[in-house]
Amino acid sequence: AQLLGWKVIGFDPYVQLDSIENVSFRALLQQANAVSIHVPLTKKGEHATYHLFDEKAFAALQPDTILVNSARGPVIKEAALIEDIQRTQRKVVLDVFEHEPVISEELLNMLALATPHIAGYSLEGKARGTQMIYEAFCQKFGFDINKRFETQLPACEDYFSGHDLKAVLKQKL
């Protein structure tokens, strides 16, 4: 997003990055033109994420703010989302759903885009998972960690070096 010239803000009570302006959750909701959710699902504690996006959160979002959830389904309260889309015609992209594996047909038909949550099934996901298991095994049994499974992945073409990212996206869109 920064490569597109966008101002990037975020809310994370645990991690602050120099490249992202950290703001309160309320400020994020009020200021953002697009919100992409990247949180674990937690039900306890000061910063629980279960139903983080509920009626109150949707009321704070601008009606034309785009919402993307590829984190965990129950981070968004489904009934509140349906009501919000009906009221605002908000563009929403979901990769996860609150009641998976049961998916609301009503909600599905309201989305701008729905995708299957299968990141772990990618070649890269399998390599990372294998690496994690290998490292845990080595640590448990006192072996040196001397293998990187990412080296087994095919080279990925760099689509953007030497190009104006805005121009490339304009051509693709």
N, C-alpha and C. Protein backbone atom coordinates (compact mmCIF):
# COMPACT_ATOMS: atom_id res chain seq x y z
N ALA A 1 0.83 -1.20 0.00
CA ALA A 1 0.00 0.00 0.00
C ALA A 1 0.87 1.26 0.00
N GLN A 2 1.97 1.22 0.74
CA GLN A 2 2.86 2.39 0.76
C GLN A 2 3.49 2.62 -0.61
N LEU A 3 3.76 1.53 -1.34
CA LEU A 3 4.32 1.67 -2.68
C LEU A 3 3.34 2.35 -3.63
N LEU A 4 2.06 2.28 -3.30
CA LEU A 4 1.03 2.95 -4.10
C LEU A 4 0.87 4.41 -3.68
N GLY A 5 1.61 4.82 -2.67
CA GLY A 5 1.52 6.19 -2.20
C GLY A 5 0.45 6.37 -1.13
N TRP A 6 -0.08 5.29 -0.61
CA TRP A 6 -1.11 5.37 0.41
C TRP A 6 -0.48 5.64 1.76
N LYS A 7 -1.20 6.36 2.61
CA LYS A 7 -0.81 6.52 4.00
C LYS A 7 -1.28 5.26 4.72
N VAL A 8 -0.39 4.56 5.38
CA VAL A 8 -0.73 3.32 6.04
C VAL A 8 -0.76 3.55 7.55
N ILE A 9 -1.93 3.26 8.13
CA ILE A 9 -2.07 3.31 9.58
C ILE A 9 -2.47 1.93 10.06
N GLY A 10 -2.25 1.68 11.32
CA GLY A 10 -2.62 0.38 11.85
C GLY A 10 -2.89 0.47 13.34
N PHE A 11 -3.55 -0.53 13.84
CA PHE A 11 -3.77 -0.65 15.27
C PHE A 11 -3.22 -2.00 15.70
N ASP A 12 -2.19 -1.99 16.52
CA ASP A 12 -1.63 -3.21 17.09
C ASP A 12 -1.09 -2.86 18.46
N PRO A 13 -1.73 -3.33 19.51
CA PRO A 13 -1.27 -2.99 20.85
C PRO A 13 0.03 -3.68 21.24
N TYR A 14 0.47 -4.66 20.44
CA TYR A 14 1.65 -5.44 20.78
C TYR A 14 2.87 -5.15 19.91
N VAL A 15 2.65 -4.71 18.69
CA VAL A 15 3.75 -4.50 17.76
C VAL A 15 3.65 -3.10 17.15
N GLN A 16 4.73 -2.35 17.24
CA GLN A 16 4.78 -1.06 16.58
C GLN A 16 5.92 -1.09 15.56
N LEU A 17 5.60 -0.77 14.33
CA LEU A 17 6.59 -0.74 13.26
C LEU A 17 6.84 0.71 12.86
N ASP A 18 8.09 1.04 12.60
CA ASP A 18 8.41 2.41 12.19
C ASP A 18 7.72 2.78 10.88
N SER A 19 7.44 1.79 10.03
CA SER A 19 6.87 2.06 8.72
C SER A 19 5.36 2.28 8.75
N ILE A 20 4.73 2.01 9.89
CA ILE A 20 3.28 2.14 9.99
C ILE A 20 2.94 3.02 11.19
N GLU A 21 2.11 4.01 10.94
CA GLU A 21 1.64 4.87 12.02
C GLU A 21 0.62 4.10 12.85
N ASN A 22 0.95 3.83 14.11
CA ASN A 22 0.05 3.10 14.99
C ASN A 22 -0.94 4.08 15.62
N VAL A 23 -2.22 3.80 15.48
CA VAL A 23 -3.28 4.66 16.01
C VAL A 23 -4.20 3.82 16.87
N SER A 24 -5.12 4.47 17.58
CA SER A 24 -6.10 3.72 18.36
C SER A 24 -7.05 2.99 17.41
N PHE A 25 -7.72 1.98 17.94
CA PHE A 25 -8.68 1.24 17.12
C PHE A 25 -9.78 2.17 16.63
N ARG A 26 -10.25 3.04 17.49
CA ARG A 26 -11.31 4.00 17.13
C ARG A 26 -10.84 4.91 15.99
N ALA A 27 -9.60 5.41 16.10
CA ALA A 27 -9.06 6.29 15.06
C ALA A 27 -8.91 5.54 13.74
N LEU A 28 -8.49 4.29 13.82
CA LEU A 28 -8.36 3.49 12.61
C LEU A 28 -9.72 3.37 11.91
N LEU A 29 -10.75 3.05 12.68
CA LEU A 29 -12.08 2.90 12.11
C LEU A 29 -12.57 4.19 11.47
N GLN A 30 -12.29 5.31 12.09
CA GLN A 30 -12.78 6.60 11.61
C GLN A 30 -11.99 7.13 10.41
N GLN A 31 -10.71 6.76 10.30
CA GLN A 31 -9.84 7.35 9.28
C GLN A 31 -9.62 6.48 8.06
N ALA A 32 -9.71 5.18 8.20
CA ALA A 32 -9.29 4.27 7.13
C ALA A 32 -10.27 4.26 5.95
N ASN A 33 -9.71 4.19 4.75
CA ASN A 33 -10.49 3.99 3.54
C ASN A 33 -10.58 2.51 3.18
N ALA A 34 -9.63 1.75 3.72
CA ALA A 34 -9.61 0.29 3.54
C ALA A 34 -9.05 -0.30 4.83
N VAL A 35 -9.69 -1.37 5.30
CA VAL A 35 -9.23 -2.06 6.50
C VAL A 35 -9.00 -3.52 6.13
N SER A 36 -7.79 -3.99 6.42
CA SER A 36 -7.45 -5.39 6.21
C SER A 36 -7.12 -5.98 7.58
N ILE A 37 -7.84 -7.00 7.97
CA ILE A 37 -7.72 -7.58 9.31
C ILE A 37 -6.69 -8.71 9.30
N HIS A 38 -5.72 -8.60 10.22
CA HIS A 38 -4.66 -9.61 10.36
C HIS A 38 -4.43 -9.86 11.84
N VAL A 39 -5.33 -10.59 12.49
CA VAL A 39 -5.23 -10.82 13.92
C VAL A 39 -5.49 -12.29 14.23
N PRO A 40 -4.97 -12.77 15.37
CA PRO A 40 -5.38 -14.10 15.83
C PRO A 40 -6.76 -13.99 16.47
N LEU A 41 -7.39 -15.10 16.70
CA LEU A 41 -8.68 -15.09 17.38
C LEU A 41 -8.43 -15.30 18.87
N THR A 42 -8.78 -14.29 19.66
CA THR A 42 -8.64 -14.38 21.12
C THR A 42 -9.95 -13.96 21.75
N LYS A 43 -10.32 -14.63 22.83
CA LYS A 43 -11.59 -14.34 23.49
C LYS A 43 -11.42 -13.68 24.85
N LYS A 44 -10.21 -13.62 25.37
CA LYS A 44 -9.97 -13.07 26.69
C LYS A 44 -8.92 -11.97 26.61
N GLY A 45 -8.91 -11.14 27.63
CA GLY A 45 -7.89 -10.12 27.74
C GLY A 45 -8.35 -8.76 27.24
N GLU A 46 -7.50 -7.79 27.49
CA GLU A 46 -7.83 -6.40 27.15
C GLU A 46 -8.02 -6.20 25.66
N HIS A 47 -7.31 -6.96 24.86
CA HIS A 47 -7.38 -6.77 23.41
C HIS A 47 -7.93 -8.01 22.70
N ALA A 48 -8.99 -8.60 23.27
CA ALA A 48 -9.62 -9.76 22.65
C ALA A 48 -10.11 -9.39 21.25
N THR A 49 -10.02 -10.33 20.34
CA THR A 49 -10.40 -10.05 18.95
C THR A 49 -11.73 -10.68 18.55
N TYR A 50 -12.30 -11.54 19.39
CA TYR A 50 -13.59 -12.15 19.09
C TYR A 50 -14.63 -11.03 18.95
N HIS A 51 -15.30 -10.98 17.82
CA HIS A 51 -16.31 -9.96 17.50
C HIS A 51 -15.75 -8.54 17.65
N LEU A 52 -14.47 -8.38 17.33
CA LEU A 52 -13.85 -7.07 17.33
C LEU A 52 -14.64 -6.12 16.43
N PHE A 53 -15.09 -6.66 15.30
CA PHE A 53 -15.94 -5.88 14.39
C PHE A 53 -17.39 -6.26 14.67
N ASP A 54 -18.03 -5.43 15.47
CA ASP A 54 -19.42 -5.62 15.85
C ASP A 54 -20.21 -4.38 15.44
N GLU A 55 -21.43 -4.25 15.94
CA GLU A 55 -22.28 -3.11 15.57
C GLU A 55 -21.58 -1.77 15.84
N LYS A 56 -20.92 -1.69 16.98
CA LYS A 56 -20.24 -0.44 17.37
C LYS A 56 -19.09 -0.11 16.40
N ALA A 57 -18.32 -1.11 16.05
CA ALA A 57 -17.20 -0.89 15.12
C ALA A 57 -17.71 -0.49 13.74
N PHE A 58 -18.75 -1.17 13.26
CA PHE A 58 -19.29 -0.83 11.95
C PHE A 58 -19.88 0.58 11.93
N ALA A 59 -20.47 1.00 13.04
CA ALA A 59 -21.02 2.36 13.11
C ALA A 59 -19.92 3.41 13.01
N ALA A 60 -18.71 3.08 13.45
CA ALA A 60 -17.59 4.03 13.41
C ALA A 60 -16.92 4.09 12.03
N LEU A 61 -17.07 3.02 11.22
CA LEU A 61 -16.46 3.01 9.88
C LEU A 61 -17.21 3.94 8.93
N GLN A 62 -16.45 4.58 8.06
CA GLN A 62 -17.09 5.36 7.00
C GLN A 62 -17.80 4.37 6.07
N PRO A 63 -18.96 4.74 5.52
CA PRO A 63 -19.73 3.80 4.69
C PRO A 63 -18.97 3.27 3.47
N ASP A 64 -18.04 4.04 2.95
CA ASP A 64 -17.32 3.59 1.75
C ASP A 64 -15.99 2.92 2.07
N THR A 65 -15.72 2.66 3.34
CA THR A 65 -14.48 1.95 3.71
C THR A 65 -14.59 0.49 3.28
N ILE A 66 -13.59 0.02 2.57
CA ILE A 66 -13.52 -1.37 2.14
C ILE A 66 -13.02 -2.21 3.30
N LEU A 67 -13.60 -3.39 3.49
CA LEU A 67 -13.21 -4.27 4.59
C LEU A 67 -12.76 -5.62 4.04
N VAL A 68 -11.59 -6.08 4.49
CA VAL A 68 -11.05 -7.37 4.08
C VAL A 68 -10.72 -8.16 5.35
N ASN A 69 -11.22 -9.38 5.43
CA ASN A 69 -10.86 -10.25 6.55
C ASN A 69 -10.31 -11.55 6.01
N SER A 70 -9.01 -11.74 6.22
CA SER A 70 -8.37 -13.01 5.87
C SER A 70 -7.70 -13.60 7.10
N ALA A 71 -8.17 -13.18 8.28
CA ALA A 71 -7.58 -13.64 9.54
C ALA A 71 -8.37 -14.81 10.10
N ARG A 72 -9.39 -14.50 10.87
CA ARG A 72 -10.26 -15.50 11.48
C ARG A 72 -11.70 -15.02 11.37
N GLY A 73 -12.63 -15.92 11.05
CA GLY A 73 -14.01 -15.56 10.83
C GLY A 73 -14.68 -14.86 12.00
N PRO A 74 -14.58 -15.41 13.22
CA PRO A 74 -15.30 -14.81 14.35
C PRO A 74 -14.77 -13.45 14.82
N VAL A 75 -13.75 -12.94 14.15
CA VAL A 75 -13.31 -11.57 14.45
C VAL A 75 -14.41 -10.59 14.04
N ILE A 76 -15.22 -11.00 13.06
CA ILE A 76 -16.35 -10.18 12.61
C ILE A 76 -17.64 -10.86 13.06
N LYS A 77 -18.49 -10.11 13.71
CA LYS A 77 -19.81 -10.60 14.10
C LYS A 77 -20.68 -10.62 12.85
N GLU A 78 -21.02 -11.81 12.38
CA GLU A 78 -21.69 -11.97 11.09
C GLU A 78 -22.99 -11.18 10.98
N ALA A 79 -23.83 -11.23 11.99
CA ALA A 79 -25.11 -10.53 11.94
C ALA A 79 -24.89 -9.02 11.80
N ALA A 80 -23.90 -8.49 12.49
CA ALA A 80 -23.60 -7.06 12.41
C ALA A 80 -23.08 -6.71 11.02
N LEU A 81 -22.28 -7.61 10.43
CA LEU A 81 -21.76 -7.37 9.08
C LEU A 81 -22.90 -7.35 8.05
N ILE A 82 -23.79 -8.29 8.14
CA ILE A 82 -24.92 -8.34 7.21
C ILE A 82 -25.73 -7.05 7.31
N GLU A 83 -26.02 -6.65 8.52
CA GLU A 83 -26.77 -5.41 8.73
C GLU A 83 -26.03 -4.20 8.17
N ASP A 84 -24.71 -4.17 8.38
CA ASP A 84 -23.90 -3.06 7.88
C ASP A 84 -23.89 -3.00 6.36
N ILE A 85 -23.73 -4.15 5.70
CA ILE A 85 -23.72 -4.17 4.24
C ILE A 85 -25.07 -3.72 3.69
N GLN A 86 -26.14 -4.17 4.33
CA GLN A 86 -27.48 -3.75 3.89
C GLN A 86 -27.65 -2.24 4.03
N ARG A 87 -27.10 -1.68 5.09
CA ARG A 87 -27.26 -0.25 5.36
C ARG A 87 -26.33 0.61 4.50
N THR A 88 -25.08 0.18 4.29
CA THR A 88 -24.08 1.04 3.65
C THR A 88 -23.69 0.61 2.24
N GLN A 89 -24.02 -0.61 1.86
CA GLN A 89 -23.54 -1.20 0.59
C GLN A 89 -22.02 -1.32 0.59
N ARG A 90 -21.43 -1.46 1.77
CA ARG A 90 -19.97 -1.57 1.92
C ARG A 90 -19.42 -2.70 1.06
N LYS A 91 -18.26 -2.50 0.48
CA LYS A 91 -17.55 -3.54 -0.26
C LYS A 91 -16.75 -4.36 0.76
N VAL A 92 -17.01 -5.66 0.79
CA VAL A 92 -16.38 -6.55 1.76
C VAL A 92 -15.79 -7.75 1.03
N VAL A 93 -14.58 -8.11 1.44
CA VAL A 93 -13.88 -9.29 0.92
C VAL A 93 -13.62 -10.21 2.10
N LEU A 94 -14.10 -11.43 2.00
CA LEU A 94 -13.88 -12.39 3.08
C LEU A 94 -13.17 -13.64 2.57
N ASP A 95 -12.23 -14.07 3.38
CA ASP A 95 -11.50 -15.30 3.15
C ASP A 95 -11.86 -16.30 4.26
N VAL A 96 -12.56 -15.81 5.27
CA VAL A 96 -12.96 -16.60 6.43
C VAL A 96 -14.36 -16.17 6.85
N PHE A 97 -15.07 -17.07 7.52
CA PHE A 97 -16.44 -16.81 7.91
C PHE A 97 -16.65 -17.23 9.36
N GLU A 98 -17.53 -16.51 10.05
CA GLU A 98 -17.72 -16.76 11.49
C GLU A 98 -18.13 -18.19 11.80
N HIS A 99 -19.01 -18.77 11.03
CA HIS A 99 -19.57 -20.08 11.38
C HIS A 99 -19.03 -21.20 10.50
N GLU A 100 -17.82 -21.07 9.99
CA GLU A 100 -17.25 -22.13 9.16
C GLU A 100 -17.30 -23.45 9.91
N PRO A 101 -17.57 -24.55 9.20
CA PRO A 101 -17.65 -24.69 7.75
C PRO A 101 -18.99 -24.28 7.15
N VAL A 102 -19.96 -23.94 7.99
CA VAL A 102 -21.24 -23.46 7.48
C VAL A 102 -21.07 -22.00 7.09
N ILE A 103 -21.40 -21.68 5.87
CA ILE A 103 -21.26 -20.31 5.37
C ILE A 103 -22.65 -19.79 5.00
N SER A 104 -22.95 -18.61 5.51
CA SER A 104 -24.25 -18.00 5.25
C SER A 104 -24.37 -17.65 3.76
N GLU A 105 -25.36 -18.24 3.10
CA GLU A 105 -25.59 -17.92 1.69
C GLU A 105 -25.98 -16.46 1.53
N GLU A 106 -26.74 -15.94 2.50
CA GLU A 106 -27.13 -14.53 2.46
C GLU A 106 -25.89 -13.63 2.46
N LEU A 107 -24.97 -13.90 3.38
CA LEU A 107 -23.75 -13.09 3.45
C LEU A 107 -22.89 -13.29 2.20
N LEU A 108 -22.73 -14.52 1.78
CA LEU A 108 -21.91 -14.82 0.60
C LEU A 108 -22.38 -14.02 -0.61
N ASN A 109 -23.68 -13.92 -0.78
CA ASN A 109 -24.22 -13.18 -1.93
C ASN A 109 -24.06 -11.67 -1.81
N MET A 110 -23.73 -11.18 -0.64
CA MET A 110 -23.56 -9.74 -0.43
C MET A 110 -22.12 -9.28 -0.62
N LEU A 111 -21.18 -10.20 -0.68
CA LEU A 111 -19.76 -9.86 -0.70
C LEU A 111 -19.29 -9.39 -2.07
N ALA A 112 -18.31 -8.50 -2.05
CA ALA A 112 -17.65 -8.10 -3.30
C ALA A 112 -16.80 -9.25 -3.82
N LEU A 113 -16.21 -10.01 -2.89
CA LEU A 113 -15.35 -11.13 -3.26
C LEU A 113 -15.26 -12.09 -2.08
N ALA A 114 -15.30 -13.39 -2.35
CA ALA A 114 -15.07 -14.42 -1.34
C ALA A 114 -14.02 -15.37 -1.90
N THR A 115 -13.07 -15.73 -1.06
CA THR A 115 -12.00 -16.63 -1.48
C THR A 115 -11.86 -17.75 -0.45
N PRO A 116 -11.34 -18.91 -0.84
CA PRO A 116 -11.13 -19.99 0.12
C PRO A 116 -9.87 -19.73 0.95
N HIS A 117 -9.96 -19.97 2.23
CA HIS A 117 -8.84 -19.74 3.15
C HIS A 117 -7.92 -20.96 3.10
N ILE A 118 -6.99 -20.95 2.16
CA ILE A 118 -6.14 -22.13 1.96
C ILE A 118 -4.66 -21.78 1.91
N ALA A 119 -4.25 -20.71 2.60
CA ALA A 119 -2.85 -20.29 2.56
C ALA A 119 -1.90 -21.41 2.96
N GLY A 120 -2.30 -22.22 3.93
CA GLY A 120 -1.46 -23.31 4.39
C GLY A 120 -1.26 -24.40 3.35
N TYR A 121 -2.09 -24.41 2.32
CA TYR A 121 -1.97 -25.42 1.28
C TYR A 121 -1.04 -24.99 0.15
N SER A 122 -0.55 -23.77 0.21
CA SER A 122 0.36 -23.32 -0.84
C SER A 122 1.71 -24.00 -0.68
N LEU A 123 2.50 -24.02 -1.72
CA LEU A 123 3.84 -24.59 -1.66
C LEU A 123 4.68 -23.88 -0.61
N GLU A 124 4.56 -22.55 -0.56
CA GLU A 124 5.31 -21.78 0.42
C GLU A 124 4.86 -22.12 1.84
N GLY A 125 3.55 -22.26 2.04
CA GLY A 125 3.03 -22.63 3.36
C GLY A 125 3.53 -23.98 3.81
N LYS A 126 3.57 -24.93 2.89
CA LYS A 126 4.07 -26.27 3.23
C LYS A 126 5.55 -26.22 3.58
N ALA A 127 6.32 -25.42 2.84
CA ALA A 127 7.76 -25.29 3.14
C ALA A 127 7.96 -24.67 4.51
N ARG A 128 7.19 -23.63 4.83
CA ARG A 128 7.32 -22.99 6.15
C ARG A 128 6.91 -23.95 7.26
N GLY A 129 5.82 -24.68 7.06
CA GLY A 129 5.38 -25.65 8.05
C GLY A 129 6.41 -26.75 8.27
N THR A 130 6.98 -27.24 7.19
CA THR A 130 8.02 -28.26 7.28
C THR A 130 9.22 -27.72 8.03
N GLN A 131 9.59 -26.47 7.76
CA GLN A 131 10.72 -25.84 8.44
C GLN A 131 10.45 -25.76 9.95
N MET A 132 9.25 -25.38 10.33
CA MET A 132 8.90 -25.26 11.75
C MET A 132 8.98 -26.61 12.46
N ILE A 133 8.47 -27.66 11.80
CA ILE A 133 8.52 -29.00 12.39
C ILE A 133 9.96 -29.47 12.51
N TYR A 134 10.74 -29.27 11.47
CA TYR A 134 12.15 -29.66 11.47
C TYR A 134 12.91 -28.97 12.60
N GLU A 135 12.71 -27.66 12.74
CA GLU A 135 13.43 -26.91 13.78
C GLU A 135 13.01 -27.35 15.17
N ALA A 136 11.72 -27.61 15.38
CA ALA A 136 11.25 -28.08 16.69
C ALA A 136 11.84 -29.45 17.01
N PHE A 137 11.89 -30.33 16.01
CA PHE A 137 12.49 -31.65 16.19
C PHE A 137 13.95 -31.53 16.58
N CYS A 138 14.69 -30.71 15.83
CA CYS A 138 16.12 -30.53 16.10
C CYS A 138 16.35 -29.97 17.50
N GLN A 139 15.56 -29.00 17.90
CA GLN A 139 15.70 -28.41 19.23
C GLN A 139 15.39 -29.43 20.32
N LYS A 140 14.35 -30.21 20.13
CA LYS A 140 13.94 -31.21 21.12
C LYS A 140 15.01 -32.27 21.34
N PHE A 141 15.67 -32.70 20.25
CA PHE A 141 16.63 -33.79 20.34
C PHE A 141 18.09 -33.34 20.26
N GLY A 142 18.32 -32.02 20.30
CA GLY A 142 19.68 -31.50 20.38
C GLY A 142 20.48 -31.55 19.09
N PHE A 143 19.81 -31.57 17.95
CA PHE A 143 20.51 -31.56 16.67
C PHE A 143 20.72 -30.14 16.18
N ASP A 144 21.77 -29.93 15.38
CA ASP A 144 21.99 -28.63 14.75
C ASP A 144 20.93 -28.40 13.67
N ILE A 145 20.51 -27.18 13.56
CA ILE A 145 19.57 -26.80 12.49
C ILE A 145 20.42 -26.32 11.32
N ASN A 146 20.48 -27.13 10.26
CA ASN A 146 21.36 -26.78 9.15
C ASN A 146 20.68 -26.93 7.78
N LYS A 147 19.37 -26.98 7.79
CA LYS A 147 18.62 -27.13 6.54
C LYS A 147 17.58 -26.03 6.45
N ARG A 148 17.45 -25.41 5.28
CA ARG A 148 16.42 -24.40 5.02
C ARG A 148 15.54 -24.93 3.90
N PHE A 149 14.30 -25.22 4.21
CA PHE A 149 13.39 -25.81 3.23
C PHE A 149 12.94 -24.79 2.18
N GLU A 150 13.06 -23.50 2.49
CA GLU A 150 12.71 -22.49 1.50
C GLU A 150 13.59 -22.58 0.25
N THR A 151 14.78 -23.17 0.40
CA THR A 151 15.69 -23.31 -0.75
C THR A 151 15.12 -24.29 -1.78
N GLN A 152 14.14 -25.10 -1.38
CA GLN A 152 13.54 -26.06 -2.29
C GLN A 152 12.45 -25.45 -3.17
N LEU A 153 12.07 -24.20 -2.85
CA LEU A 153 11.02 -23.53 -3.61
C LEU A 153 11.56 -23.02 -4.94
N PRO A 154 10.74 -23.02 -5.98
CA PRO A 154 11.19 -22.46 -7.25
C PRO A 154 11.38 -20.94 -7.11
N ALA A 155 12.26 -20.41 -7.92
CA ALA A 155 12.49 -18.97 -7.91
C ALA A 155 11.22 -18.24 -8.33
N CYS A 156 10.94 -17.16 -7.66
CA CYS A 156 9.75 -16.37 -7.98
C CYS A 156 10.18 -15.12 -8.73
N GLU A 157 9.58 -14.90 -9.86
CA GLU A 157 9.89 -13.73 -10.66
C GLU A 157 9.52 -12.47 -9.90
N ASP A 158 10.41 -11.48 -9.92
CA ASP A 158 10.14 -10.20 -9.29
C ASP A 158 9.42 -9.34 -10.31
N TYR A 159 8.12 -9.16 -10.11
CA TYR A 159 7.30 -8.45 -11.07
C TYR A 159 7.45 -6.94 -11.01
N PHE A 160 7.99 -6.43 -9.92
CA PHE A 160 7.91 -5.00 -9.71
C PHE A 160 9.24 -4.25 -9.75
N SER A 161 10.37 -4.93 -9.66
CA SER A 161 11.62 -4.19 -9.67
C SER A 161 11.80 -3.50 -11.02
N GLY A 162 12.18 -2.25 -10.96
CA GLY A 162 12.37 -1.48 -12.17
C GLY A 162 11.09 -0.97 -12.79
N HIS A 163 9.95 -1.17 -12.13
CA HIS A 163 8.68 -0.71 -12.67
C HIS A 163 8.02 0.26 -11.70
N ASP A 164 7.24 1.12 -12.23
CA ASP A 164 6.41 1.99 -11.42
C ASP A 164 5.19 1.18 -11.02
N LEU A 165 5.08 0.86 -9.72
CA LEU A 165 4.01 -0.01 -9.25
C LEU A 165 2.63 0.54 -9.59
N LYS A 166 2.44 1.82 -9.49
CA LYS A 166 1.14 2.41 -9.82
C LYS A 166 0.80 2.16 -11.28
N ALA A 167 1.77 2.32 -12.16
CA ALA A 167 1.53 2.11 -13.59
C ALA A 167 1.23 0.63 -13.87
N VAL A 168 1.95 -0.29 -13.22
CA VAL A 168 1.72 -1.71 -13.41
C VAL A 168 0.31 -2.07 -12.98
N LEU A 169 -0.13 -1.58 -11.83
CA LEU A 169 -1.47 -1.90 -11.34
C LEU A 169 -2.55 -1.30 -12.23
N LYS A 170 -2.33 -0.09 -12.74
CA LYS A 170 -3.30 0.52 -13.63
C LYS A 170 -3.51 -0.34 -14.88
N GLN A 171 -2.39 -0.89 -15.41
CA GLN A 171 -2.49 -1.73 -16.60
C GLN A 171 -3.26 -3.01 -16.29
N LYS A 172 -3.02 -3.60 -15.09
CA LYS A 172 -3.65 -4.86 -14.72
C LYS A 172 -5.12 -4.67 -14.39
N LEU A 173 -5.48 -3.51 -13.84
CA LEU A 173 -6.85 -3.27 -13.46
C LEU A 173 -7.61 -2.68 -14.62
